[in-house]
Amino acid sequence: MNTPVTPWVLAGRILSIIGMGFTAAAGILLAIVPTWWAAVAGGAFVPFMIMIVLVEKYSSKHGLIGPEIPVTSDDDA
C-alpha cells in the first residue's frame, strides 16, 4: 500500500466511520421504539456515507490507495 496517508484523509475516515456507526446504532435503537426520530437518525447517516465516499475517491485519485507501482532498477536490463 502506498504511504503516507495525509492527516486530513485519516481524520476524514475516522470521523465518517464513527458518524456512520453512531447514526446507524441510534436509528436501529430508535426504530425499536417506533418514533419518527429513527428516520432523522437514518437521514443523518447519509452525510457520513457521502463523506467516506469522497475521502476514498480523493485517496484513490492522489495515489494514496491502490496497487503498488512496481519498482524497477537499472540492474534488471
N, C-alpha and C. Protein backbone atom coordinates (compact mmCIF):
# COMPACT_ATOMS: atom_id res chain seq x y z
N MET A 1 0.85 -1.17 0.00
CA MET A 1 0.00 0.00 0.00
C MET A 1 0.90 1.23 0.00
N ASN A 2 0.48 2.21 -0.75
CA ASN A 2 1.26 3.45 -0.80
C ASN A 2 1.08 4.24 0.48
N THR A 3 2.14 4.82 0.95
CA THR A 3 2.09 5.67 2.14
C THR A 3 2.81 6.95 1.78
N PRO A 4 2.73 7.99 2.44
CA PRO A 4 1.97 8.23 3.66
C PRO A 4 0.56 8.71 3.36
N VAL A 5 -0.33 8.48 4.27
CA VAL A 5 -1.69 8.99 4.18
C VAL A 5 -1.70 10.32 4.91
N THR A 6 -2.30 11.32 4.29
CA THR A 6 -2.31 12.64 4.91
C THR A 6 -3.20 12.65 6.16
N PRO A 7 -2.94 13.55 7.08
CA PRO A 7 -3.77 13.63 8.29
C PRO A 7 -5.23 13.96 7.97
N TRP A 8 -5.47 14.71 6.90
CA TRP A 8 -6.85 15.05 6.54
C TRP A 8 -7.62 13.82 6.10
N VAL A 9 -6.97 12.94 5.34
CA VAL A 9 -7.63 11.70 4.91
C VAL A 9 -7.90 10.82 6.13
N LEU A 10 -6.93 10.71 7.00
CA LEU A 10 -7.10 9.90 8.20
C LEU A 10 -8.23 10.45 9.07
N ALA A 11 -8.26 11.74 9.28
CA ALA A 11 -9.32 12.36 10.08
C ALA A 11 -10.69 12.18 9.43
N GLY A 12 -10.73 12.31 8.11
CA GLY A 12 -12.00 12.11 7.39
C GLY A 12 -12.51 10.70 7.52
N ARG A 13 -11.60 9.73 7.43
CA ARG A 13 -12.00 8.33 7.58
C ARG A 13 -12.52 8.06 8.99
N ILE A 14 -11.79 8.53 9.98
CA ILE A 14 -12.19 8.28 11.37
C ILE A 14 -13.53 8.94 11.67
N LEU A 15 -13.68 10.20 11.29
CA LEU A 15 -14.93 10.92 11.56
C LEU A 15 -16.12 10.27 10.86
N SER A 16 -15.93 9.89 9.60
CA SER A 16 -17.06 9.32 8.87
C SER A 16 -17.45 7.95 9.42
N ILE A 17 -16.49 7.14 9.79
CA ILE A 17 -16.81 5.81 10.32
C ILE A 17 -17.48 5.91 11.68
N ILE A 18 -16.98 6.80 12.54
CA ILE A 18 -17.63 7.00 13.84
C ILE A 18 -19.04 7.55 13.64
N GLY A 19 -19.19 8.49 12.74
CA GLY A 19 -20.51 9.07 12.47
C GLY A 19 -21.49 8.05 11.91
N MET A 20 -21.02 7.21 10.97
CA MET A 20 -21.90 6.19 10.42
C MET A 20 -22.30 5.18 11.49
N GLY A 21 -21.34 4.79 12.32
CA GLY A 21 -21.66 3.83 13.37
C GLY A 21 -22.65 4.37 14.38
N PHE A 22 -22.43 5.61 14.80
CA PHE A 22 -23.31 6.21 15.80
C PHE A 22 -24.72 6.41 15.25
N THR A 23 -24.83 6.97 14.05
CA THR A 23 -26.16 7.25 13.50
C THR A 23 -26.90 5.96 13.15
N ALA A 24 -26.19 4.93 12.68
CA ALA A 24 -26.85 3.66 12.39
C ALA A 24 -27.35 3.01 13.68
N ALA A 25 -26.52 3.04 14.73
CA ALA A 25 -26.94 2.47 16.01
C ALA A 25 -28.13 3.23 16.59
N ALA A 26 -28.07 4.55 16.51
CA ALA A 26 -29.18 5.36 17.02
C ALA A 26 -30.46 5.09 16.23
N GLY A 27 -30.33 4.97 14.91
CA GLY A 27 -31.50 4.68 14.08
C GLY A 27 -32.12 3.34 14.40
N ILE A 28 -31.28 2.33 14.61
CA ILE A 28 -31.80 1.00 14.94
C ILE A 28 -32.48 1.01 16.31
N LEU A 29 -31.83 1.63 17.28
CA LEU A 29 -32.43 1.67 18.62
C LEU A 29 -33.72 2.48 18.64
N LEU A 30 -33.77 3.55 17.90
CA LEU A 30 -34.99 4.36 17.87
C LEU A 30 -36.08 3.70 17.04
N ALA A 31 -35.71 2.83 16.10
CA ALA A 31 -36.72 2.10 15.33
C ALA A 31 -37.41 1.04 16.19
N ILE A 32 -36.72 0.56 17.21
CA ILE A 32 -37.32 -0.42 18.11
C ILE A 32 -38.47 0.20 18.90
N VAL A 33 -38.31 1.49 19.20
CA VAL A 33 -39.31 2.21 19.99
C VAL A 33 -40.42 2.81 19.13
N PRO A 34 -40.57 2.56 17.93
CA PRO A 34 -41.22 3.28 16.84
C PRO A 34 -41.42 4.78 17.10
N THR A 35 -40.49 5.56 16.67
CA THR A 35 -40.58 7.01 16.76
C THR A 35 -40.04 7.61 15.47
N TRP A 36 -40.45 8.82 15.19
CA TRP A 36 -40.01 9.45 13.94
C TRP A 36 -38.55 9.86 14.02
N TRP A 37 -37.97 9.85 15.21
CA TRP A 37 -36.54 10.16 15.34
C TRP A 37 -35.67 9.11 14.67
N ALA A 38 -36.21 7.91 14.47
CA ALA A 38 -35.46 6.88 13.76
C ALA A 38 -35.20 7.32 12.32
N ALA A 39 -36.16 7.98 11.71
CA ALA A 39 -35.96 8.49 10.35
C ALA A 39 -34.94 9.62 10.34
N VAL A 40 -34.94 10.43 11.37
CA VAL A 40 -33.95 11.51 11.47
C VAL A 40 -32.54 10.92 11.61
N ALA A 41 -32.40 9.90 12.44
CA ALA A 41 -31.10 9.26 12.61
C ALA A 41 -30.68 8.57 11.32
N GLY A 42 -31.62 7.96 10.62
CA GLY A 42 -31.32 7.35 9.33
C GLY A 42 -30.89 8.38 8.30
N GLY A 43 -31.52 9.53 8.33
CA GLY A 43 -31.13 10.62 7.43
C GLY A 43 -29.78 11.21 7.77
N ALA A 44 -29.44 11.18 9.06
CA ALA A 44 -28.13 11.70 9.49
C ALA A 44 -27.00 10.77 9.06
N PHE A 45 -27.32 9.53 8.72
CA PHE A 45 -26.32 8.57 8.25
C PHE A 45 -25.78 8.97 6.88
N VAL A 46 -26.63 9.55 6.06
CA VAL A 46 -26.30 9.85 4.66
C VAL A 46 -25.09 10.79 4.51
N PRO A 47 -24.99 11.91 5.23
CA PRO A 47 -23.82 12.77 5.05
C PRO A 47 -22.50 12.08 5.38
N PHE A 48 -22.51 11.20 6.37
CA PHE A 48 -21.29 10.47 6.72
C PHE A 48 -20.93 9.46 5.64
N MET A 49 -21.94 8.86 5.02
CA MET A 49 -21.69 7.93 3.93
C MET A 49 -21.11 8.69 2.73
N ILE A 50 -21.64 9.85 2.45
CA ILE A 50 -21.11 10.67 1.35
C ILE A 50 -19.68 11.09 1.67
N MET A 51 -19.41 11.42 2.93
CA MET A 51 -18.07 11.84 3.32
C MET A 51 -17.05 10.73 3.08
N ILE A 52 -17.37 9.49 3.45
CA ILE A 52 -16.40 8.40 3.27
C ILE A 52 -16.18 8.12 1.79
N VAL A 53 -17.23 8.26 0.98
CA VAL A 53 -17.07 8.07 -0.47
C VAL A 53 -16.14 9.14 -1.04
N LEU A 54 -16.33 10.38 -0.65
CA LEU A 54 -15.48 11.46 -1.15
C LEU A 54 -14.04 11.33 -0.67
N VAL A 55 -13.84 10.93 0.58
CA VAL A 55 -12.49 10.76 1.11
C VAL A 55 -11.77 9.64 0.37
N GLU A 56 -12.46 8.53 0.11
CA GLU A 56 -11.83 7.42 -0.59
C GLU A 56 -11.57 7.75 -2.06
N LYS A 57 -12.45 8.52 -2.69
CA LYS A 57 -12.18 8.96 -4.06
C LYS A 57 -10.96 9.87 -4.10
N TYR A 58 -10.83 10.75 -3.13
CA TYR A 58 -9.67 11.63 -3.04
C TYR A 58 -8.40 10.81 -2.85
N SER A 59 -8.47 9.82 -1.96
CA SER A 59 -7.30 8.98 -1.70
C SER A 59 -6.88 8.23 -2.95
N SER A 60 -7.85 7.70 -3.65
CA SER A 60 -7.56 6.95 -4.87
C SER A 60 -6.99 7.85 -5.96
N LYS A 61 -7.56 9.02 -6.09
CA LYS A 61 -7.13 9.96 -7.13
C LYS A 61 -5.69 10.42 -6.91
N HIS A 62 -5.29 10.59 -5.67
CA HIS A 62 -3.96 11.08 -5.35
C HIS A 62 -2.96 9.96 -5.06
N GLY A 63 -3.33 8.73 -5.37
CA GLY A 63 -2.40 7.62 -5.24
C GLY A 63 -2.11 7.17 -3.83
N LEU A 64 -3.01 7.48 -2.89
CA LEU A 64 -2.79 7.08 -1.50
C LEU A 64 -3.26 5.66 -1.23
N ILE A 65 -4.13 5.13 -2.11
CA ILE A 65 -4.55 3.74 -2.01
C ILE A 65 -4.49 3.14 -3.39
N GLY A 66 -4.52 1.83 -3.45
CA GLY A 66 -4.50 1.15 -4.73
C GLY A 66 -3.28 0.28 -4.86
N PRO A 67 -3.12 -0.32 -6.03
CA PRO A 67 -1.98 -1.22 -6.21
C PRO A 67 -0.66 -0.48 -6.19
N GLU A 68 0.34 -1.16 -5.67
CA GLU A 68 1.67 -0.56 -5.60
C GLU A 68 2.28 -0.52 -6.99
N ILE A 69 3.02 0.52 -7.25
CA ILE A 69 3.71 0.67 -8.52
C ILE A 69 5.00 -0.15 -8.42
N PRO A 70 5.21 -1.07 -9.38
CA PRO A 70 6.42 -1.89 -9.28
C PRO A 70 7.69 -1.04 -9.43
N VAL A 71 8.67 -1.36 -8.62
CA VAL A 71 9.92 -0.63 -8.65
C VAL A 71 10.87 -1.36 -9.61
N THR A 72 11.38 -0.62 -10.56
CA THR A 72 12.34 -1.21 -11.50
C THR A 72 13.69 -0.57 -11.26
N SER A 73 14.72 -1.36 -11.46
CA SER A 73 16.05 -0.83 -11.30
C SER A 73 16.82 -1.00 -12.61
N ASP A 74 17.90 -0.29 -12.74
CA ASP A 74 18.69 -0.36 -13.96
C ASP A 74 19.47 -1.68 -14.06
N ASP A 75 19.59 -2.40 -12.97
CA ASP A 75 20.34 -3.66 -12.96
C ASP A 75 19.58 -4.79 -13.65
N ASP A 76 18.24 -4.63 -13.82
CA ASP A 76 17.43 -5.69 -14.41
C ASP A 76 17.68 -5.85 -15.90
N ALA A 77 18.14 -4.82 -16.57
CA ALA A 77 18.28 -4.86 -18.03
C ALA A 77 19.51 -5.58 -18.50
